[in-house]
Amino acid sequence: MLSQETLERYRRMTPGERLALTFEMIRENTPYLLAGNPDVVDRRFELLRRENDARNSRILAALAGLKSRG
């Protein structure tokens, strides 16, 4: 979990600053994401896809719940 100080720093950033930070993090982490033999990399990306799909499903379910209440 991020500290309150870190969260506040992120909230004060402009959208452009947050995007630049995102791109920097992607550049720094890409070599680690692609490291290993092709089977390992494929499994790693499959896990990321499953996690993203699950997160998106939860978001859509929450939005549907809000819509049905409104």
PDB file of N, CA and C in Angstrom:
ATOM      1  N   MET A   1       0.848  -1.181   0.000  1.00  0.00           N
ATOM      2  CA  MET A   1       0.000   0.000   0.000  1.00  0.00           C
ATOM      3  C   MET A   1       0.888   1.236   0.000  1.00  0.00           C
ATOM      4  N   LEU A   2       0.459   2.252  -0.701  1.00  0.00           N
ATOM      5  CA  LEU A   2       1.216   3.490  -0.778  1.00  0.00           C
ATOM      6  C   LEU A   2       0.935   4.354   0.449  1.00  0.00           C
ATOM      7  N   SER A   3       1.959   5.087   0.853  1.00  0.00           N
ATOM      8  CA  SER A   3       1.786   5.977   1.999  1.00  0.00           C
ATOM      9  C   SER A   3       0.895   7.152   1.610  1.00  0.00           C
ATOM     10  N   GLN A   4       0.318   7.782   2.593  1.00  0.00           N
ATOM     11  CA  GLN A   4      -0.534   8.953   2.342  1.00  0.00           C
ATOM     12  C   GLN A   4       0.268  10.040   1.641  1.00  0.00           C
ATOM     13  N   GLU A   5       1.530  10.196   2.037  1.00  0.00           N
ATOM     14  CA  GLU A   5       2.393  11.216   1.427  1.00  0.00           C
ATOM     15  C   GLU A   5       2.575  10.942  -0.068  1.00  0.00           C
ATOM     16  N   THR A   6       2.817   9.694  -0.417  1.00  0.00           N
ATOM     17  CA  THR A   6       2.990   9.319  -1.823  1.00  0.00           C
ATOM     18  C   THR A   6       1.701   9.530  -2.602  1.00  0.00           C
ATOM     19  N   LEU A   7       0.579   9.135  -2.023  1.00  0.00           N
ATOM     20  CA  LEU A   7      -0.710   9.335  -2.686  1.00  0.00           C
ATOM     21  C   LEU A   7      -0.975  10.818  -2.937  1.00  0.00           C
ATOM     22  N   GLU A   8      -0.681  11.647  -1.961  1.00  0.00           N
ATOM     23  CA  GLU A   8      -0.890  13.083  -2.121  1.00  0.00           C
ATOM     24  C   GLU A   8       0.014  13.645  -3.204  1.00  0.00           C
ATOM     25  N   ARG A   9       1.264  13.156  -3.267  1.00  0.00           N
ATOM     26  CA  ARG A   9       2.189  13.612  -4.307  1.00  0.00           C
ATOM     27  C   ARG A   9       1.649  13.248  -5.683  1.00  0.00           C
ATOM     28  N   TYR A  10       1.116  12.029  -5.830  1.00  0.00           N
ATOM     29  CA  TYR A  10       0.536  11.614  -7.105  1.00  0.00           C
ATOM     30  C   TYR A  10      -0.691  12.455  -7.451  1.00  0.00           C
ATOM     31  N   ARG A  11      -1.500  12.780  -6.469  1.00  0.00           N
ATOM     32  CA  ARG A  11      -2.711  13.582  -6.715  1.00  0.00           C
ATOM     33  C   ARG A  11      -2.375  14.990  -7.184  1.00  0.00           C
ATOM     34  N   ARG A  12      -1.235  15.505  -6.737  1.00  0.00           N
ATOM     35  CA  ARG A  12      -0.832  16.863  -7.130  1.00  0.00           C
ATOM     36  C   ARG A  12      -0.218  16.902  -8.529  1.00  0.00           C
ATOM     37  N   MET A  13       0.122  15.739  -9.088  1.00  0.00           N
ATOM     38  CA  MET A  13       0.725  15.697 -10.423  1.00  0.00           C
ATOM     39  C   MET A  13      -0.316  16.041 -11.486  1.00  0.00           C
ATOM     40  N   THR A  14       0.174  16.629 -12.553  1.00  0.00           N
ATOM     41  CA  THR A  14      -0.694  16.861 -13.703  1.00  0.00           C
ATOM     42  C   THR A  14      -0.866  15.526 -14.437  1.00  0.00           C
ATOM     43  N   PRO A  15      -1.883  15.418 -15.275  1.00  0.00           N
ATOM     44  CA  PRO A  15      -2.024  14.192 -16.069  1.00  0.00           C
ATOM     45  C   PRO A  15      -0.767  13.884 -16.893  1.00  0.00           C
ATOM     46  N   GLY A  16      -0.132  14.915 -17.429  1.00  0.00           N
ATOM     47  CA  GLY A  16       1.091  14.722 -18.200  1.00  0.00           C
ATOM     48  C   GLY A  16       2.223  14.158 -17.352  1.00  0.00           C
ATOM     49  N   GLU A  17       2.337  14.638 -16.124  1.00  0.00           N
ATOM     50  CA  GLU A  17       3.374  14.125 -15.218  1.00  0.00           C
ATOM     51  C   GLU A  17       3.115  12.666 -14.860  1.00  0.00           C
ATOM     52  N   ARG A  18       1.850  12.326 -14.620  1.00  0.00           N
ATOM     53  CA  ARG A  18       1.517  10.935 -14.311  1.00  0.00           C
ATOM     54  C   ARG A  18       1.789  10.028 -15.503  1.00  0.00           C
ATOM     55  N   LEU A  19       1.478  10.513 -16.713  1.00  0.00           N
ATOM     56  CA  LEU A  19       1.739   9.733 -17.913  1.00  0.00           C
ATOM     57  C   LEU A  19       3.243   9.532 -18.108  1.00  0.00           C
ATOM     58  N   ALA A  20       4.029  10.580 -17.903  1.00  0.00           N
ATOM     59  CA  ALA A  20       5.486  10.466 -18.024  1.00  0.00           C
ATOM     60  C   ALA A  20       6.033   9.460 -17.012  1.00  0.00           C
ATOM     61  N   LEU A  21       5.505   9.485 -15.796  1.00  0.00           N
ATOM     62  CA  LEU A  21       5.926   8.529 -14.774  1.00  0.00           C
ATOM     63  C   LEU A  21       5.568   7.105 -15.196  1.00  0.00           C
ATOM     64  N   THR A  22       4.394   6.939 -15.777  1.00  0.00           N
ATOM     65  CA  THR A  22       3.968   5.623 -16.260  1.00  0.00           C
ATOM     66  C   THR A  22       4.921   5.111 -17.334  1.00  0.00           C
ATOM     67  N   PHE A  23       5.253   5.964 -18.309  1.00  0.00           N
ATOM     68  CA  PHE A  23       6.164   5.552 -19.373  1.00  0.00           C
ATOM     69  C   PHE A  23       7.548   5.214 -18.824  1.00  0.00           C
ATOM     70  N   GLU A  24       8.011   5.977 -17.857  1.00  0.00           N
ATOM     71  CA  GLU A  24       9.310   5.701 -17.235  1.00  0.00           C
ATOM     72  C   GLU A  24       9.303   4.330 -16.558  1.00  0.00           C
ATOM     73  N   MET A  25       8.229   4.040 -15.838  1.00  0.00           N
ATOM     74  CA  MET A  25       8.128   2.752 -15.157  1.00  0.00           C
ATOM     75  C   MET A  25       8.076   1.601 -16.164  1.00  0.00           C
ATOM     76  N   ILE A  26       7.368   1.803 -17.269  1.00  0.00           N
ATOM     77  CA  ILE A  26       7.300   0.776 -18.313  1.00  0.00           C
ATOM     78  C   ILE A  26       8.690   0.525 -18.887  1.00  0.00           C
ATOM     79  N   ARG A  27       9.422   1.606 -19.222  1.00  0.00           N
ATOM     80  CA  ARG A  27      10.780   1.459 -19.776  1.00  0.00           C
ATOM     81  C   ARG A  27      11.687   0.711 -18.810  1.00  0.00           C
ATOM     82  N   GLU A  28      11.599   1.040 -17.528  1.00  0.00           N
ATOM     83  CA  GLU A  28      12.474   0.416 -16.532  1.00  0.00           C
ATOM     84  C   GLU A  28      12.147  -1.054 -16.305  1.00  0.00           C
ATOM     85  N   ASN A  29      10.873  -1.417 -16.410  1.00  0.00           N
ATOM     86  CA  ASN A  29      10.460  -2.777 -16.065  1.00  0.00           C
ATOM     87  C   ASN A  29      10.342  -3.732 -17.241  1.00  0.00           C
ATOM     88  N   THR A  30      10.323  -3.225 -18.464  1.00  0.00           N
ATOM     89  CA  THR A  30      10.164  -4.087 -19.634  1.00  0.00           C
ATOM     90  C   THR A  30      11.234  -5.176 -19.726  1.00  0.00           C
ATOM     91  N   PRO A  31      12.511  -4.867 -19.481  1.00  0.00           N
ATOM     92  CA  PRO A  31      13.507  -5.949 -19.577  1.00  0.00           C
ATOM     93  C   PRO A  31      13.208  -7.112 -18.625  1.00  0.00           C
ATOM     94  N   TYR A  32      12.711  -6.834 -17.449  1.00  0.00           N
ATOM     95  CA  TYR A  32      12.397  -7.890 -16.491  1.00  0.00           C
ATOM     96  C   TYR A  32      11.169  -8.678 -16.924  1.00  0.00           C
ATOM     97  N   LEU A  33      10.218  -7.995 -17.538  1.00  0.00           N
ATOM     98  CA  LEU A  33       9.001  -8.645 -18.008  1.00  0.00           C
ATOM     99  C   LEU A  33       9.305  -9.621 -19.143  1.00  0.00           C
ATOM    100  N   LEU A  34      10.289  -9.297 -19.955  1.00  0.00           N
ATOM    101  CA  LEU A  34      10.625 -10.114 -21.111  1.00  0.00           C
ATOM    102  C   LEU A  34      11.755 -11.110 -20.842  1.00  0.00           C
ATOM    103  N   ALA A  35      12.266 -11.135 -19.612  1.00  0.00           N
ATOM    104  CA  ALA A  35      13.386 -12.019 -19.281  1.00  0.00           C
ATOM    105  C   ALA A  35      12.909 -13.465 -19.160  1.00  0.00           C
ATOM    106  N   GLY A  36      13.736 -14.384 -19.594  1.00  0.00           N
ATOM    107  CA  GLY A  36      13.426 -15.808 -19.459  1.00  0.00           C
ATOM    108  C   GLY A  36      13.114 -16.443 -20.795  1.00  0.00           C
ATOM    109  N   ASN A  37      12.912 -17.743 -20.744  1.00  0.00           N
ATOM    110  CA  ASN A  37      12.611 -18.440 -21.996  1.00  0.00           C
ATOM    111  C   ASN A  37      11.179 -18.115 -22.423  1.00  0.00           C
ATOM    112  N   PRO A  38      10.851 -18.384 -23.675  1.00  0.00           N
ATOM    113  CA  PRO A  38       9.530 -17.990 -24.203  1.00  0.00           C
ATOM    114  C   PRO A  38       8.347 -18.546 -23.403  1.00  0.00           C
ATOM    115  N   ASP A  39       8.470 -19.759 -22.860  1.00  0.00           N
ATOM    116  CA  ASP A  39       7.368 -20.311 -22.061  1.00  0.00           C
ATOM    117  C   ASP A  39       7.123 -19.493 -20.803  1.00  0.00           C
ATOM    118  N   VAL A  40       8.192 -19.082 -20.156  1.00  0.00           N
ATOM    119  CA  VAL A  40       8.067 -18.282 -18.936  1.00  0.00           C
ATOM    120  C   VAL A  40       7.439 -16.929 -19.260  1.00  0.00           C
ATOM    121  N   VAL A  41       7.896 -16.308 -20.341  1.00  0.00           N
ATOM    122  CA  VAL A  41       7.358 -15.003 -20.737  1.00  0.00           C
ATOM    123  C   VAL A  41       5.877 -15.136 -21.089  1.00  0.00           C
ATOM    124  N   ASP A  42       5.521 -16.190 -21.828  1.00  0.00           N
ATOM    125  CA  ASP A  42       4.109 -16.414 -22.177  1.00  0.00           C
ATOM    126  C   ASP A  42       3.247 -16.582 -20.934  1.00  0.00           C
ATOM    127  N   ARG A  43       3.724 -17.361 -19.961  1.00  0.00           N
ATOM    128  CA  ARG A  43       2.959 -17.552 -18.718  1.00  0.00           C
ATOM    129  C   ARG A  43       2.824 -16.242 -17.957  1.00  0.00           C
ATOM    130  N   ARG A  44       3.890 -15.456 -17.963  1.00  0.00           N
ATOM    131  CA  ARG A  44       3.859 -14.162 -17.273  1.00  0.00           C
ATOM    132  C   ARG A  44       2.793 -13.257 -17.892  1.00  0.00           C
ATOM    133  N   PHE A  45       2.748 -13.191 -19.221  1.00  0.00           N
ATOM    134  CA  PHE A  45       1.761 -12.343 -19.888  1.00  0.00           C
ATOM    135  C   PHE A  45       0.352 -12.895 -19.728  1.00  0.00           C
ATOM    136  N   GLU A  46       0.217 -14.205 -19.711  1.00  0.00           N
ATOM    137  CA  GLU A  46      -1.107 -14.792 -19.486  1.00  0.00           C
ATOM    138  C   GLU A  46      -1.622 -14.432 -18.099  1.00  0.00           C
ATOM    139  N   LEU A  47      -0.751 -14.460 -17.102  1.00  0.00           N
ATOM    140  CA  LEU A  47      -1.139 -14.056 -15.750  1.00  0.00           C
ATOM    141  C   LEU A  47      -1.570 -12.593 -15.743  1.00  0.00           C
ATOM    142  N   LEU A  48      -0.809 -11.736 -16.415  1.00  0.00           N
ATOM    143  CA  LEU A  48      -1.180 -10.321 -16.484  1.00  0.00           C
ATOM    144  C   LEU A  48      -2.541 -10.140 -17.154  1.00  0.00           C
ATOM    145  N   ARG A  49      -2.797 -10.888 -18.231  1.00  0.00           N
ATOM    146  CA  ARG A  49      -4.099 -10.802 -18.908  1.00  0.00           C
ATOM    147  C   ARG A  49      -5.233 -11.231 -17.980  1.00  0.00           C
ATOM    148  N   ARG A  50      -5.022 -12.335 -17.250  1.00  0.00           N
ATOM    149  CA  ARG A  50      -6.066 -12.805 -16.332  1.00  0.00           C
ATOM    150  C   ARG A  50      -6.324 -11.775 -15.233  1.00  0.00           C
ATOM    151  N   GLU A  51      -5.254 -11.204 -14.689  1.00  0.00           N
ATOM    152  CA  GLU A  51      -5.418 -10.195 -13.643  1.00  0.00           C
ATOM    153  C   GLU A  51      -6.154  -8.968 -14.183  1.00  0.00           C
ATOM    154  N   ASN A  52      -5.799  -8.532 -15.381  1.00  0.00           N
ATOM    155  CA  ASN A  52      -6.473  -7.369 -15.978  1.00  0.00           C
ATOM    156  C   ASN A  52      -7.934  -7.680 -16.264  1.00  0.00           C
ATOM    157  N   ASP A  53      -8.215  -8.872 -16.796  1.00  0.00           N
ATOM    158  CA  ASP A  53      -9.601  -9.255 -17.062  1.00  0.00           C
ATOM    159  C   ASP A  53     -10.426  -9.283 -15.776  1.00  0.00           C
ATOM    160  N   ALA A  54      -9.852  -9.821 -14.702  1.00  0.00           N
ATOM    161  CA  ALA A  54     -10.561  -9.880 -13.428  1.00  0.00           C
ATOM    162  C   ALA A  54     -10.820  -8.469 -12.893  1.00  0.00           C
ATOM    163  N   ARG A  55      -9.821  -7.599 -12.995  1.00  0.00           N
ATOM    164  CA  ARG A  55      -9.980  -6.218 -12.527  1.00  0.00           C
ATOM    165  C   ARG A  55     -11.057  -5.510 -13.351  1.00  0.00           C
ATOM    166  N   ASN A  56     -11.021  -5.683 -14.661  1.00  0.00           N
ATOM    167  CA  ASN A  56     -12.026  -5.047 -15.513  1.00  0.00           C
ATOM    168  C   ASN A  56     -13.426  -5.565 -15.199  1.00  0.00           C
ATOM    169  N   SER A  57     -13.553  -6.860 -14.932  1.00  0.00           N
ATOM    170  CA  SER A  57     -14.862  -7.422 -14.572  1.00  0.00           C
ATOM    171  C   SER A  57     -15.393  -6.812 -13.288  1.00  0.00           C
ATOM    172  N   ARG A  58     -14.509  -6.647 -12.301  1.00  0.00           N
ATOM    173  CA  ARG A  58     -14.943  -6.039 -11.032  1.00  0.00           C
ATOM    174  C   ARG A  58     -15.387  -4.591 -11.243  1.00  0.00           C
ATOM    175  N   ILE A  59     -14.651  -3.860 -12.073  1.00  0.00           N
ATOM    176  CA  ILE A  59     -15.019  -2.471 -12.349  1.00  0.00           C
ATOM    177  C   ILE A  59     -16.374  -2.407 -13.041  1.00  0.00           C
ATOM    178  N   LEU A  60     -16.562  -3.258 -14.053  1.00  0.00           N
ATOM    179  CA  LEU A  60     -17.842  -3.264 -14.773  1.00  0.00           C
ATOM    180  C   LEU A  60     -18.994  -3.665 -13.866  1.00  0.00           C
ATOM    181  N   ALA A  61     -18.760  -4.634 -12.984  1.00  0.00           N
ATOM    182  CA  ALA A  61     -19.808  -5.047 -12.052  1.00  0.00           C
ATOM    183  C   ALA A  61     -20.161  -3.902 -11.105  1.00  0.00           C
ATOM    184  N   ALA A  62     -19.164  -3.187 -10.636  1.00  0.00           N
ATOM    185  CA  ALA A  62     -19.421  -2.056  -9.743  1.00  0.00           C
ATOM    186  C   ALA A  62     -20.186  -0.954 -10.471  1.00  0.00           C
ATOM    187  N   LEU A  63     -19.797  -0.684 -11.711  1.00  0.00           N
ATOM    188  CA  LEU A  63     -20.504   0.336 -12.477  1.00  0.00           C
ATOM    189  C   LEU A  63     -21.945  -0.079 -12.754  1.00  0.00           C
ATOM    190  N   ALA A  64     -22.161  -1.358 -13.058  1.00  0.00           N
ATOM    191  CA  ALA A  64     -23.525  -1.852 -13.292  1.00  0.00           C
ATOM    192  C   ALA A  64     -24.346  -1.719 -12.014  1.00  0.00           C
ATOM    193  N   GLY A  65     -23.738  -1.995 -10.872  1.00  0.00           N
ATOM    194  CA  GLY A  65     -24.436  -1.843  -9.600  1.00  0.00           C
ATOM    195  C   GLY A  65     -24.826  -0.406  -9.331  1.00  0.00           C
ATOM    196  N   LEU A  66     -23.943   0.524  -9.679  1.00  0.00           N
ATOM    197  CA  LEU A  66     -24.261   1.931  -9.503  1.00  0.00           C
ATOM    198  C   LEU A  66     -25.397   2.355 -10.431  1.00  0.00           C
ATOM    199  N   LYS A  67     -25.358   1.856 -11.654  1.00  0.00           N
ATOM    200  CA  LYS A  67     -26.389   2.220 -12.630  1.00  0.00           C
ATOM    201  C   LYS A  67     -27.754   1.697 -12.197  1.00  0.00           C
ATOM    202  N   SER A  68     -27.788   0.484 -11.645  1.00  0.00           N
ATOM    203  CA  SER A  68     -29.068  -0.085 -11.251  1.00  0.00           C
ATOM    204  C   SER A  68     -29.652   0.632 -10.030  1.00  0.00           C
ATOM    205  N   ARG A  69     -28.809   1.245  -9.219  1.00  0.00           N
ATOM    206  CA  ARG A  69     -29.292   2.001  -8.062  1.00  0.00           C
ATOM    207  C   ARG A  69     -29.765   3.390  -8.437  1.00  0.00           C
ATOM    208  N   GLY A  70     -29.216   3.901  -9.563  1.00  0.00           N
ATOM    209  CA  GLY A  70     -29.506   5.292  -9.936  1.00  0.00           C
ATOM    210  C   GLY A  70     -30.675   5.429 -10.747  1.00  0.00           C
TER     211      GLY A  70
END
